[in-house]
Amino acid sequence: MVEIVYNPVKEIVVLEYIKYPTADELIRNMILPPGQPAVLYWADGVVFLPIPLVANNTKVIEEIMNGRLYWMSVSFAPLPNYSQMLSAEKGPEALVINVSRSQTLSTVARWLKQRLAEP
C-alpha cells in the first residue's frame, strides 16, 4: 500500500521584494524569456510574481525537503479585485491565477500587503 505524506511549506525566505504602485507597472517591468507567457498570482488584494531560487544543488534541495523555500525576489502590486487576465498599455499580458485557496500563498499575499503600506 502507498503511504501519502503531507509535508507543507514551513518557511519562505524572501531575499528581495520589489513593490510597484500598480499592477500595470508590475506587468510593464516583468522580464520574460521570449515566447514564455507571464503568469502572476493573486490573493487578498495583491498580485505577485515570485522568482524561486533554482533547486540545482543538494543544499537547496535539502532546504526544500525540510520545508524551507527561497525566493530570489518577489515583485508585487495592489490589485483589489481579481481579474483572470491583466495587460499593460502597449505592453505584455499576464494570466493571473487566483491562489486565495492556498494557505501558504494567501499568507504570502497578506505579508506583501503589509509591505504595500510601508513608505
PDB file of N, CA and C in Angstrom:
ATOM      1  N   MET A   1       0.841  -1.178   0.000  1.00  0.00           N
ATOM      2  CA  MET A   1       0.000   0.000   0.000  1.00  0.00           C
ATOM      3  C   MET A   1       0.891   1.248   0.000  1.00  0.00           C
ATOM      4  N   VAL A   2       0.475   2.257  -0.700  1.00  0.00           N
ATOM      5  CA  VAL A   2       1.227   3.508  -0.798  1.00  0.00           C
ATOM      6  C   VAL A   2       0.891   4.402   0.383  1.00  0.00           C
ATOM      7  N   GLU A   3       1.911   4.976   0.971  1.00  0.00           N
ATOM      8  CA  GLU A   3       1.711   5.923   2.058  1.00  0.00           C
ATOM      9  C   GLU A   3       1.796   7.337   1.486  1.00  0.00           C
ATOM     10  N   ILE A   4       0.859   8.159   1.839  1.00  0.00           N
ATOM     11  CA  ILE A   4       0.856   9.555   1.414  1.00  0.00           C
ATOM     12  C   ILE A   4       1.328  10.400   2.589  1.00  0.00           C
ATOM     13  N   VAL A   5       2.329  11.223   2.352  1.00  0.00           N
ATOM     14  CA  VAL A   5       2.877  12.077   3.393  1.00  0.00           C
ATOM     15  C   VAL A   5       2.667  13.527   2.970  1.00  0.00           C
ATOM     16  N   TYR A   6       2.026  14.298   3.803  1.00  0.00           N
ATOM     17  CA  TYR A   6       1.845  15.718   3.546  1.00  0.00           C
ATOM     18  C   TYR A   6       2.894  16.471   4.333  1.00  0.00           C
ATOM     19  N   ASN A   7       3.733  17.219   3.622  1.00  0.00           N
ATOM     20  CA  ASN A   7       4.816  17.966   4.253  1.00  0.00           C
ATOM     21  C   ASN A   7       4.720  19.416   3.793  1.00  0.00           C
ATOM     22  N   PRO A   8       3.886  20.213   4.453  1.00  0.00           N
ATOM     23  CA  PRO A   8       3.668  21.587   3.982  1.00  0.00           C
ATOM     24  C   PRO A   8       4.903  22.470   4.152  1.00  0.00           C
ATOM     25  N   VAL A   9       4.905  23.550   3.385  1.00  0.00           N
ATOM     26  CA  VAL A   9       5.963  24.547   3.498  1.00  0.00           C
ATOM     27  C   VAL A   9       5.906  25.145   4.899  1.00  0.00           C
ATOM     28  N   LYS A  10       7.053  25.229   5.535  1.00  0.00           N
ATOM     29  CA  LYS A  10       7.116  25.798   6.882  1.00  0.00           C
ATOM     30  C   LYS A  10       7.608  27.235   6.863  1.00  0.00           C
ATOM     31  N   GLU A  11       8.405  27.580   5.837  1.00  0.00           N
ATOM     32  CA  GLU A  11       9.011  28.911   5.795  1.00  0.00           C
ATOM     33  C   GLU A  11       9.344  29.277   4.353  1.00  0.00           C
ATOM     34  N   ILE A  12       9.103  30.532   4.013  1.00  0.00           N
ATOM     35  CA  ILE A  12       9.547  31.078   2.731  1.00  0.00           C
ATOM     36  C   ILE A  12      10.486  32.230   3.048  1.00  0.00           C
ATOM     37  N   VAL A  13      11.687  32.141   2.527  1.00  0.00           N
ATOM     38  CA  VAL A  13      12.686  33.179   2.734  1.00  0.00           C
ATOM     39  C   VAL A  13      12.707  34.047   1.477  1.00  0.00           C
ATOM     40  N   VAL A  14      12.320  35.308   1.622  1.00  0.00           N
ATOM     41  CA  VAL A  14      12.306  36.257   0.508  1.00  0.00           C
ATOM     42  C   VAL A  14      13.587  37.081   0.596  1.00  0.00           C
ATOM     43  N   LEU A  15      14.435  36.959  -0.423  1.00  0.00           N
ATOM     44  CA  LEU A  15      15.714  37.657  -0.401  1.00  0.00           C
ATOM     45  C   LEU A  15      15.583  39.112  -0.840  1.00  0.00           C
ATOM     46  N   GLU A  16      14.590  39.407  -1.687  1.00  0.00           N
ATOM     47  CA  GLU A  16      14.349  40.780  -2.113  1.00  0.00           C
ATOM     48  C   GLU A  16      12.893  40.909  -2.530  1.00  0.00           C
ATOM     49  N   TYR A  17      12.303  42.064  -2.228  1.00  0.00           N
ATOM     50  CA  TYR A  17      10.968  42.310  -2.769  1.00  0.00           C
ATOM     51  C   TYR A  17      10.947  43.654  -3.465  1.00  0.00           C
ATOM     52  N   ILE A  18      10.135  43.695  -4.529  1.00  0.00           N
ATOM     53  CA  ILE A  18      10.027  44.893  -5.357  1.00  0.00           C
ATOM     54  C   ILE A  18       8.564  45.289  -5.397  1.00  0.00           C
ATOM     55  N   LYS A  19       8.285  46.461  -4.843  1.00  0.00           N
ATOM     56  CA  LYS A  19       6.916  46.945  -4.722  1.00  0.00           C
ATOM     57  C   LYS A  19       6.620  47.901  -5.870  1.00  0.00           C
ATOM     58  N   TYR A  20       5.490  47.685  -6.552  1.00  0.00           N
ATOM     59  CA  TYR A  20       5.045  48.576  -7.619  1.00  0.00           C
ATOM     60  C   TYR A  20       3.734  49.229  -7.201  1.00  0.00           C
ATOM     61  N   PRO A  21       3.532  50.475  -7.613  1.00  0.00           N
ATOM     62  CA  PRO A  21       2.302  51.169  -7.206  1.00  0.00           C
ATOM     63  C   PRO A  21       1.045  50.641  -7.896  1.00  0.00           C
ATOM     64  N   THR A  22       1.212  50.038  -9.081  1.00  0.00           N
ATOM     65  CA  THR A  22       0.063  49.498  -9.809  1.00  0.00           C
ATOM     66  C   THR A  22       0.430  48.174 -10.469  1.00  0.00           C
ATOM     67  N   ALA A  23      -0.590  47.373 -10.746  1.00  0.00           N
ATOM     68  CA  ALA A  23      -0.376  46.112 -11.461  1.00  0.00           C
ATOM     69  C   ALA A  23       0.133  46.385 -12.867  1.00  0.00           C
ATOM     70  N   ASP A  24      -0.329  47.464 -13.488  1.00  0.00           N
ATOM     71  CA  ASP A  24       0.116  47.843 -14.818  1.00  0.00           C
ATOM     72  C   ASP A  24       1.637  48.040 -14.835  1.00  0.00           C
ATOM     73  N   GLU A  25       2.153  48.732 -13.847  1.00  0.00           N
ATOM     74  CA  GLU A  25       3.596  48.964 -13.779  1.00  0.00           C
ATOM     75  C   GLU A  25       4.358  47.663 -13.522  1.00  0.00           C
ATOM     76  N   LEU A  26       3.807  46.792 -12.696  1.00  0.00           N
ATOM     77  CA  LEU A  26       4.425  45.483 -12.455  1.00  0.00           C
ATOM     78  C   LEU A  26       4.553  44.719 -13.766  1.00  0.00           C
ATOM     79  N   ILE A  27       3.485  44.675 -14.546  1.00  0.00           N
ATOM     80  CA  ILE A  27       3.499  43.936 -15.805  1.00  0.00           C
ATOM     81  C   ILE A  27       4.512  44.543 -16.779  1.00  0.00           C
ATOM     82  N   ARG A  28       4.561  45.852 -16.867  1.00  0.00           N
ATOM     83  CA  ARG A  28       5.500  46.506 -17.782  1.00  0.00           C
ATOM     84  C   ARG A  28       6.957  46.246 -17.400  1.00  0.00           C
ATOM     85  N   ASN A  29       7.225  45.923 -16.145  1.00  0.00           N
ATOM     86  CA  ASN A  29       8.601  45.715 -15.691  1.00  0.00           C
ATOM     87  C   ASN A  29       9.013  44.244 -15.613  1.00  0.00           C
ATOM     88  N   MET A  30       8.137  43.350 -16.019  1.00  0.00           N
ATOM     89  CA  MET A  30       8.476  41.926 -15.993  1.00  0.00           C
ATOM     90  C   MET A  30       9.461  41.612 -17.111  1.00  0.00           C
ATOM     91  N   ILE A  31      10.429  40.787 -16.803  1.00  0.00           N
ATOM     92  CA  ILE A  31      11.375  40.323 -17.808  1.00  0.00           C
ATOM     93  C   ILE A  31      11.090  38.842 -18.022  1.00  0.00           C
ATOM     94  N   LEU A  32      10.691  38.520 -19.249  1.00  0.00           N
ATOM     95  CA  LEU A  32      10.323  37.141 -19.569  1.00  0.00           C
ATOM     96  C   LEU A  32      11.149  36.631 -20.739  1.00  0.00           C
ATOM     97  N   PRO A  33      11.497  35.354 -20.704  1.00  0.00           N
ATOM     98  CA  PRO A  33      12.147  34.765 -21.879  1.00  0.00           C
ATOM     99  C   PRO A  33      11.182  34.828 -23.067  1.00  0.00           C
ATOM    100  N   PRO A  34      11.692  34.998 -24.281  1.00  0.00           N
ATOM    101  CA  PRO A  34      10.824  35.086 -25.451  1.00  0.00           C
ATOM    102  C   PRO A  34       9.878  33.890 -25.567  1.00  0.00           C
ATOM    103  N   GLY A  35       8.624  34.185 -25.829  1.00  0.00           N
ATOM    104  CA  GLY A  35       7.621  33.142 -26.014  1.00  0.00           C
ATOM    105  C   GLY A  35       7.054  32.552 -24.738  1.00  0.00           C
ATOM    106  N   GLN A  36       7.588  32.919 -23.588  1.00  0.00           N
ATOM    107  CA  GLN A  36       7.073  32.382 -22.327  1.00  0.00           C
ATOM    108  C   GLN A  36       5.948  33.278 -21.825  1.00  0.00           C
ATOM    109  N   PRO A  37       4.802  32.682 -21.504  1.00  0.00           N
ATOM    110  CA  PRO A  37       3.687  33.506 -21.023  1.00  0.00           C
ATOM    111  C   PRO A  37       3.955  34.021 -19.610  1.00  0.00           C
ATOM    112  N   ALA A  38       3.413  35.175 -19.334  1.00  0.00           N
ATOM    113  CA  ALA A  38       3.531  35.747 -17.998  1.00  0.00           C
ATOM    114  C   ALA A  38       2.403  35.184 -17.131  1.00  0.00           C
ATOM    115  N   VAL A  39       2.758  34.692 -15.970  1.00  0.00           N
ATOM    116  CA  VAL A  39       1.774  34.157 -15.036  1.00  0.00           C
ATOM    117  C   VAL A  39       2.014  34.800 -13.677  1.00  0.00           C
ATOM    118  N   LEU A  40       0.992  35.429 -13.151  1.00  0.00           N
ATOM    119  CA  LEU A  40       1.049  36.074 -11.841  1.00  0.00           C
ATOM    120  C   LEU A  40       0.113  35.362 -10.887  1.00  0.00           C
ATOM    121  N   TYR A  41       0.334  35.557  -9.597  1.00  0.00           N
ATOM    122  CA  TYR A  41      -0.564  35.033  -8.566  1.00  0.00           C
ATOM    123  C   TYR A  41      -1.342  36.186  -7.960  1.00  0.00           C
ATOM    124  N   TRP A  42      -2.558  35.896  -7.491  1.00  0.00           N
ATOM    125  CA  TRP A  42      -3.380  36.898  -6.818  1.00  0.00           C
ATOM    126  C   TRP A  42      -4.027  36.280  -5.588  1.00  0.00           C
ATOM    127  N   ALA A  43      -4.017  37.040  -4.493  1.00  0.00           N
ATOM    128  CA  ALA A  43      -4.759  36.697  -3.278  1.00  0.00           C
ATOM    129  C   ALA A  43      -4.824  37.945  -2.415  1.00  0.00           C
ATOM    130  N   ASP A  44      -5.895  38.095  -1.686  1.00  0.00           N
ATOM    131  CA  ASP A  44      -6.042  39.143  -0.670  1.00  0.00           C
ATOM    132  C   ASP A  44      -5.705  40.555  -1.176  1.00  0.00           C
ATOM    133  N   GLY A  45      -6.099  40.838  -2.424  1.00  0.00           N
ATOM    134  CA  GLY A  45      -5.896  42.187  -2.946  1.00  0.00           C
ATOM    135  C   GLY A  45      -4.499  42.508  -3.427  1.00  0.00           C
ATOM    136  N   VAL A  46      -3.674  41.470  -3.629  1.00  0.00           N
ATOM    137  CA  VAL A  46      -2.299  41.670  -4.076  1.00  0.00           C
ATOM    138  C   VAL A  46      -2.012  40.723  -5.239  1.00  0.00           C
ATOM    139  N   VAL A  47      -1.382  41.263  -6.285  1.00  0.00           N
ATOM    140  CA  VAL A  47      -0.913  40.439  -7.392  1.00  0.00           C
ATOM    141  C   VAL A  47       0.609  40.353  -7.260  1.00  0.00           C
ATOM    142  N   PHE A  48       1.167  39.155  -7.457  1.00  0.00           N
ATOM    143  CA  PHE A  48       2.603  38.999  -7.220  1.00  0.00           C
ATOM    144  C   PHE A  48       3.240  37.962  -8.132  1.00  0.00           C
ATOM    145  N   LEU A  49       4.551  38.134  -8.293  1.00  0.00           N
ATOM    146  CA  LEU A  49       5.352  37.258  -9.139  1.00  0.00           C
ATOM    147  C   LEU A  49       6.597  36.833  -8.370  1.00  0.00           C
ATOM    148  N   PRO A  50       6.595  35.615  -7.815  1.00  0.00           N
ATOM    149  CA  PRO A  50       7.786  35.139  -7.113  1.00  0.00           C
ATOM    150  C   PRO A  50       8.793  34.531  -8.096  1.00  0.00           C
ATOM    151  N   ILE A  51      10.062  34.735  -7.803  1.00  0.00           N
ATOM    152  CA  ILE A  51      11.148  34.118  -8.573  1.00  0.00           C
ATOM    153  C   ILE A  51      11.898  33.205  -7.593  1.00  0.00           C
ATOM    154  N   PRO A  52      11.619  31.890  -7.664  1.00  0.00           N
ATOM    155  CA  PRO A  52      12.263  30.981  -6.711  1.00  0.00           C
ATOM    156  C   PRO A  52      13.738  30.755  -7.030  1.00  0.00           C
ATOM    157  N   LEU A  53      14.491  30.443  -6.002  1.00  0.00           N
ATOM    158  CA  LEU A  53      15.880  30.032  -6.167  1.00  0.00           C
ATOM    159  C   LEU A  53      15.864  28.673  -6.851  1.00  0.00           C
ATOM    160  N   VAL A  54      16.669  28.510  -7.863  1.00  0.00           N
ATOM    161  CA  VAL A  54      16.694  27.265  -8.621  1.00  0.00           C
ATOM    162  C   VAL A  54      17.242  26.142  -7.738  1.00  0.00           C
ATOM    163  N   ALA A  55      16.542  25.024  -7.744  1.00  0.00           N
ATOM    164  CA  ALA A  55      16.957  23.868  -6.940  1.00  0.00           C
ATOM    165  C   ALA A  55      17.964  23.035  -7.727  1.00  0.00           C
ATOM    166  N   ASN A  56      19.160  23.590  -7.867  1.00  0.00           N
ATOM    167  CA  ASN A  56      20.170  22.911  -8.685  1.00  0.00           C
ATOM    168  C   ASN A  56      21.374  22.414  -7.884  1.00  0.00           C
ATOM    169  N   ASN A  57      21.233  22.397  -6.555  1.00  0.00           N
ATOM    170  CA  ASN A  57      22.315  21.813  -5.755  1.00  0.00           C
ATOM    171  C   ASN A  57      21.719  21.138  -4.529  1.00  0.00           C
ATOM    172  N   THR A  58      22.514  20.295  -3.904  1.00  0.00           N
ATOM    173  CA  THR A  58      21.994  19.479  -2.805  1.00  0.00           C
ATOM    174  C   THR A  58      21.561  20.311  -1.601  1.00  0.00           C
ATOM    175  N   LYS A  59      22.218  21.435  -1.358  1.00  0.00           N
ATOM    176  CA  LYS A  59      21.845  22.291  -0.215  1.00  0.00           C
ATOM    177  C   LYS A  59      20.435  22.847  -0.390  1.00  0.00           C
ATOM    178  N   VAL A  60      20.135  23.357  -1.571  1.00  0.00           N
ATOM    179  CA  VAL A  60      18.804  23.916  -1.828  1.00  0.00           C
ATOM    180  C   VAL A  60      17.751  22.807  -1.765  1.00  0.00           C
ATOM    181  N   ILE A  61      18.047  21.674  -2.337  1.00  0.00           N
ATOM    182  CA  ILE A  61      17.108  20.549  -2.302  1.00  0.00           C
ATOM    183  C   ILE A  61      16.856  20.111  -0.864  1.00  0.00           C
ATOM    184  N   GLU A  62      17.895  20.069  -0.067  1.00  0.00           N
ATOM    185  CA  GLU A  62      17.758  19.714   1.353  1.00  0.00           C
ATOM    186  C   GLU A  62      16.856  20.713   2.082  1.00  0.00           C
ATOM    187  N   GLU A  63      17.039  21.994   1.814  1.00  0.00           N
ATOM    188  CA  GLU A  63      16.207  23.034   2.424  1.00  0.00           C
ATOM    189  C   GLU A  63      14.736  22.837   2.031  1.00  0.00           C
ATOM    190  N   ILE A  64      14.493  22.575   0.759  1.00  0.00           N
ATOM    191  CA  ILE A  64      13.122  22.348   0.288  1.00  0.00           C
ATOM    192  C   ILE A  64      12.511  21.142   0.989  1.00  0.00           C
ATOM    193  N   MET A  65      13.278  20.089   1.116  1.00  0.00           N
ATOM    194  CA  MET A  65      12.760  18.879   1.771  1.00  0.00           C
ATOM    195  C   MET A  65      12.459  19.119   3.252  1.00  0.00           C
ATOM    196  N   ASN A  66      13.121  20.106   3.834  1.00  0.00           N
ATOM    197  CA  ASN A  66      12.863  20.466   5.229  1.00  0.00           C
ATOM    198  C   ASN A  66      11.774  21.531   5.367  1.00  0.00           C
ATOM    199  N   GLY A  67      11.127  21.882   4.231  1.00  0.00           N
ATOM    200  CA  GLY A  67      10.010  22.810   4.293  1.00  0.00           C
ATOM    201  C   GLY A  67      10.371  24.277   4.169  1.00  0.00           C
ATOM    202  N   ARG A  68      11.580  24.588   3.727  1.00  0.00           N
ATOM    203  CA  ARG A  68      12.011  25.982   3.594  1.00  0.00           C
ATOM    204  C   ARG A  68      12.248  26.282   2.109  1.00  0.00           C
ATOM    205  N   LEU A  69      11.518  27.265   1.594  1.00  0.00           N
ATOM    206  CA  LEU A  69      11.693  27.705   0.215  1.00  0.00           C
ATOM    207  C   LEU A  69      12.427  29.031   0.204  1.00  0.00           C
ATOM    208  N   TYR A  70      13.204  29.253  -0.835  1.00  0.00           N
ATOM    209  CA  TYR A  70      13.906  30.524  -1.011  1.00  0.00           C
ATOM    210  C   TYR A  70      13.411  31.164  -2.299  1.00  0.00           C
ATOM    211  N   TRP A  71      13.011  32.428  -2.201  1.00  0.00           N
ATOM    212  CA  TRP A  71      12.645  33.212  -3.364  1.00  0.00           C
ATOM    213  C   TRP A  71      13.725  34.257  -3.556  1.00  0.00           C
ATOM    214  N   MET A  72      14.328  34.295  -4.734  1.00  0.00           N
ATOM    215  CA  MET A  72      15.324  35.320  -5.050  1.00  0.00           C
ATOM    216  C   MET A  72      14.688  36.699  -4.952  1.00  0.00           C
ATOM    217  N   SER A  73      13.465  36.789  -5.471  1.00  0.00           N
ATOM    218  CA  SER A  73      12.729  38.040  -5.375  1.00  0.00           C
ATOM    219  C   SER A  73      11.248  37.773  -5.557  1.00  0.00           C
ATOM    220  N   VAL A  74      10.462  38.740  -5.135  1.00  0.00           N
ATOM    221  CA  VAL A  74       9.030  38.718  -5.412  1.00  0.00           C
ATOM    222  C   VAL A  74       8.623  40.152  -5.742  1.00  0.00           C
ATOM    223  N   SER A  75       8.028  40.314  -6.916  1.00  0.00           N
ATOM    224  CA  SER A  75       7.507  41.611  -7.348  1.00  0.00           C
ATOM    225  C   SER A  75       6.010  41.605  -7.071  1.00  0.00           C
ATOM    226  N   PHE A  76       5.477  42.747  -6.637  1.00  0.00           N
ATOM    227  CA  PHE A  76       4.062  42.756  -6.274  1.00  0.00           C
ATOM    228  C   PHE A  76       3.473  44.149  -6.399  1.00  0.00           C
ATOM    229  N   ALA A  77       2.132  44.174  -6.460  1.00  0.00           N
ATOM    230  CA  ALA A  77       1.400  45.430  -6.575  1.00  0.00           C
ATOM    231  C   ALA A  77      -0.008  45.219  -6.036  1.00  0.00           C
ATOM    232  N   PRO A  78      -0.658  46.293  -5.639  1.00  0.00           N
ATOM    233  CA  PRO A  78      -2.045  46.153  -5.199  1.00  0.00           C
ATOM    234  C   PRO A  78      -2.951  45.832  -6.387  1.00  0.00           C
ATOM    235  N   LEU A  79      -3.898  44.973  -6.165  1.00  0.00           N
ATOM    236  CA  LEU A  79      -4.941  44.667  -7.145  1.00  0.00           C
ATOM    237  C   LEU A  79      -6.169  44.250  -6.344  1.00  0.00           C
ATOM    238  N   PRO A  80      -6.998  45.220  -5.969  1.00  0.00           N
ATOM    239  CA  PRO A  80      -8.115  44.948  -5.055  1.00  0.00           C
ATOM    240  C   PRO A  80      -9.045  43.831  -5.510  1.00  0.00           C
ATOM    241  N   ASN A  81      -9.329  43.762  -6.817  1.00  0.00           N
ATOM    242  CA  ASN A  81     -10.266  42.758  -7.320  1.00  0.00           C
ATOM    243  C   ASN A  81      -9.566  41.822  -8.300  1.00  0.00           C
ATOM    244  N   TYR A  82      -9.851  40.549  -8.142  1.00  0.00           N
ATOM    245  CA  TYR A  82      -9.247  39.531  -9.015  1.00  0.00           C
ATOM    246  C   TYR A  82      -9.692  39.714 -10.458  1.00  0.00           C
ATOM    247  N   SER A  83      -8.750  39.570 -11.366  1.00  0.00           N
ATOM    248  CA  SER A  83      -9.016  39.568 -12.794  1.00  0.00           C
ATOM    249  C   SER A  83      -8.177  38.452 -13.403  1.00  0.00           C
ATOM    250  N   GLN A  84      -8.791  37.625 -14.252  1.00  0.00           N
ATOM    251  CA  GLN A  84      -8.105  36.471 -14.808  1.00  0.00           C
ATOM    252  C   GLN A  84      -6.980  36.849 -15.771  1.00  0.00           C
ATOM    253  N   MET A  85      -7.083  38.019 -16.387  1.00  0.00           N
ATOM    254  CA  MET A  85      -6.066  38.461 -17.342  1.00  0.00           C
ATOM    255  C   MET A  85      -5.787  39.938 -17.103  1.00  0.00           C
ATOM    256  N   LEU A  86      -4.510  40.306 -17.102  1.00  0.00           N
ATOM    257  CA  LEU A  86      -4.110  41.697 -16.969  1.00  0.00           C
ATOM    258  C   LEU A  86      -3.229  42.047 -18.161  1.00  0.00           C
ATOM    259  N   SER A  87      -3.299  43.294 -18.574  1.00  0.00           N
ATOM    260  CA  SER A  87      -2.413  43.731 -19.640  1.00  0.00           C
ATOM    261  C   SER A  87      -1.999  45.169 -19.381  1.00  0.00           C
ATOM    262  N   ALA A  88      -0.794  45.468 -19.797  1.00  0.00           N
ATOM    263  CA  ALA A  88      -0.265  46.826 -19.681  1.00  0.00           C
ATOM    264  C   ALA A  88      -0.502  47.525 -21.006  1.00  0.00           C
ATOM    265  N   GLU A  89      -0.763  48.816 -20.933  1.00  0.00           N
ATOM    266  CA  GLU A  89      -0.934  49.580 -22.163  1.00  0.00           C
ATOM    267  C   GLU A  89       0.354  49.503 -22.975  1.00  0.00           C
ATOM    268  N   LYS A  90       0.233  49.071 -24.211  1.00  0.00           N
ATOM    269  CA  LYS A  90       1.393  48.895 -25.104  1.00  0.00           C
ATOM    270  C   LYS A  90       2.455  48.001 -24.473  1.00  0.00           C
ATOM    271  N   GLY A  91       1.998  46.958 -23.799  1.00  0.00           N
ATOM    272  CA  GLY A  91       2.944  46.065 -23.144  1.00  0.00           C
ATOM    273  C   GLY A  91       2.424  44.644 -23.119  1.00  0.00           C
ATOM    274  N   PRO A  92       3.050  43.805 -22.322  1.00  0.00           N
ATOM    275  CA  PRO A  92       2.677  42.391 -22.277  1.00  0.00           C
ATOM    276  C   PRO A  92       1.353  42.152 -21.559  1.00  0.00           C
ATOM    277  N   GLU A  93       0.854  40.931 -21.723  1.00  0.00           N
ATOM    278  CA  GLU A  93      -0.320  40.468 -20.990  1.00  0.00           C
ATOM    279  C   GLU A  93       0.137  39.412 -19.997  1.00  0.00           C
ATOM    280  N   ALA A  94      -0.674  39.223 -18.963  1.00  0.00           N
ATOM    281  CA  ALA A  94      -0.342  38.217 -17.965  1.00  0.00           C
ATOM    282  C   ALA A  94      -1.601  37.490 -17.529  1.00  0.00           C
ATOM    283  N   LEU A  95      -1.504  36.184 -17.466  1.00  0.00           N
ATOM    284  CA  LEU A  95      -2.550  35.358 -16.879  1.00  0.00           C
ATOM    285  C   LEU A  95      -2.416  35.478 -15.370  1.00  0.00           C
ATOM    286  N   VAL A  96      -3.528  35.613 -14.675  1.00  0.00           N
ATOM    287  CA  VAL A  96      -3.485  35.745 -13.222  1.00  0.00           C
ATOM    288  C   VAL A  96      -4.209  34.556 -12.602  1.00  0.00           C
ATOM    289  N   ILE A  97      -3.528  33.866 -11.721  1.00  0.00           N
ATOM    290  CA  ILE A  97      -4.101  32.702 -11.052  1.00  0.00           C
ATOM    291  C   ILE A  97      -4.542  33.103  -9.655  1.00  0.00           C
ATOM    292  N   ASN A  98      -5.784  32.836  -9.341  1.00  0.00           N
ATOM    293  CA  ASN A  98      -6.324  33.110  -8.006  1.00  0.00           C
ATOM    294  C   ASN A  98      -5.848  32.003  -7.066  1.00  0.00           C
ATOM    295  N   VAL A  99      -4.937  32.347  -6.171  1.00  0.00           N
ATOM    296  CA  VAL A  99      -4.361  31.361  -5.250  1.00  0.00           C
ATOM    297  C   VAL A  99      -4.899  31.540  -3.830  1.00  0.00           C
ATOM    298  N   SER A 100      -6.030  32.229  -3.724  1.00  0.00           N
ATOM    299  CA  SER A 100      -6.561  32.526  -2.396  1.00  0.00           C
ATOM    300  C   SER A 100      -6.965  31.277  -1.612  1.00  0.00           C
ATOM    301  N   ARG A 101      -7.097  30.156  -2.283  1.00  0.00           N
ATOM    302  CA  ARG A 101      -7.411  28.906  -1.561  1.00  0.00           C
ATOM    303  C   ARG A 101      -6.160  28.221  -1.013  1.00  0.00           C
ATOM    304  N   SER A 102      -4.993  28.719  -1.398  1.00  0.00           N
ATOM    305  CA  SER A 102      -3.744  28.175  -0.877  1.00  0.00           C
ATOM    306  C   SER A 102      -3.411  28.880   0.426  1.00  0.00           C
ATOM    307  N   GLN A 103      -3.318  28.121   1.492  1.00  0.00           N
ATOM    308  CA  GLN A 103      -2.973  28.711   2.786  1.00  0.00           C
ATOM    309  C   GLN A 103      -1.600  29.382   2.728  1.00  0.00           C
ATOM    310  N   THR A 104      -0.648  28.741   2.085  1.00  0.00           N
ATOM    311  CA  THR A 104       0.701  29.281   2.007  1.00  0.00           C
ATOM    312  C   THR A 104       0.749  30.578   1.205  1.00  0.00           C
ATOM    313  N   LEU A 105       0.187  30.563   0.001  1.00  0.00           N
ATOM    314  CA  LEU A 105       0.267  31.749  -0.847  1.00  0.00           C
ATOM    315  C   LEU A 105      -0.628  32.874  -0.351  1.00  0.00           C
ATOM    316  N   SER A 106      -1.714  32.554   0.326  1.00  0.00           N
ATOM    317  CA  SER A 106      -2.536  33.601   0.946  1.00  0.00           C
ATOM    318  C   SER A 106      -1.768  34.288   2.074  1.00  0.00           C
ATOM    319  N   THR A 107      -0.991  33.506   2.809  1.00  0.00           N
ATOM    320  CA  THR A 107      -0.150  34.080   3.867  1.00  0.00           C
ATOM    321  C   THR A 107       0.905  35.002   3.247  1.00  0.00           C
ATOM    322  N   VAL A 108       1.490  34.589   2.136  1.00  0.00           N
ATOM    323  CA  VAL A 108       2.451  35.439   1.426  1.00  0.00           C
ATOM    324  C   VAL A 108       1.766  36.736   0.997  1.00  0.00           C
ATOM    325  N   ALA A 109       0.568  36.638   0.431  1.00  0.00           N
ATOM    326  CA  ALA A 109      -0.154  37.828  -0.039  1.00  0.00           C
ATOM    327  C   ALA A 109      -0.421  38.797   1.114  1.00  0.00           C
ATOM    328  N   ARG A 110      -0.797  38.286   2.262  1.00  0.00           N
ATOM    329  CA  ARG A 110      -1.032  39.164   3.426  1.00  0.00           C
ATOM    330  C   ARG A 110       0.266  39.839   3.859  1.00  0.00           C
ATOM    331  N   TRP A 111       1.367  39.111   3.831  1.00  0.00           N
ATOM    332  CA  TRP A 111       2.669  39.684   4.182  1.00  0.00           C
ATOM    333  C   TRP A 111       3.036  40.788   3.190  1.00  0.00           C
ATOM    334  N   LEU A 112       2.824  40.537   1.909  1.00  0.00           N
ATOM    335  CA  LEU A 112       3.110  41.539   0.885  1.00  0.00           C
ATOM    336  C   LEU A 112       2.203  42.757   1.034  1.00  0.00           C
ATOM    337  N   LYS A 113       0.959  42.532   1.374  1.00  0.00           N
ATOM    338  CA  LYS A 113       0.011  43.637   1.568  1.00  0.00           C
ATOM    339  C   LYS A 113       0.494  44.568   2.683  1.00  0.00           C
ATOM    340  N   GLN A 114       1.083  44.014   3.719  1.00  0.00           N
ATOM    341  CA  GLN A 114       1.650  44.825   4.787  1.00  0.00           C
ATOM    342  C   GLN A 114       2.818  45.678   4.261  1.00  0.00           C
ATOM    343  N   ARG A 115       3.593  45.114   3.322  1.00  0.00           N
ATOM    344  CA  ARG A 115       4.706  45.862   2.722  1.00  0.00           C
ATOM    345  C   ARG A 115       4.194  47.020   1.866  1.00  0.00           C
ATOM    346  N   LEU A 116       3.008  46.882   1.290  1.00  0.00           N
ATOM    347  CA  LEU A 116       2.421  47.966   0.490  1.00  0.00           C
ATOM    348  C   LEU A 116       2.191  49.216   1.335  1.00  0.00           C
ATOM    349  N   ALA A 117       1.910  49.029   2.601  1.00  0.00           N
ATOM    350  CA  ALA A 117       1.632  50.149   3.488  1.00  0.00           C
ATOM    351  C   ALA A 117       2.900  50.874   3.945  1.00  0.00           C
ATOM    352  N   GLU A 118       4.053  50.250   3.724  1.00  0.00           N
ATOM    353  CA  GLU A 118       5.322  50.859   4.129  1.00  0.00           C
ATOM    354  C   GLU A 118       5.731  51.932   3.130  1.00  0.00           C
ATOM    355  N   PRO A 119       6.436  52.976   3.599  1.00  0.00           N
ATOM    356  CA  PRO A 119       6.901  54.018   2.662  1.00  0.00           C
ATOM    357  C   PRO A 119       7.972  53.514   1.711  1.00  0.00           C
TER     358      PRO A 119
END
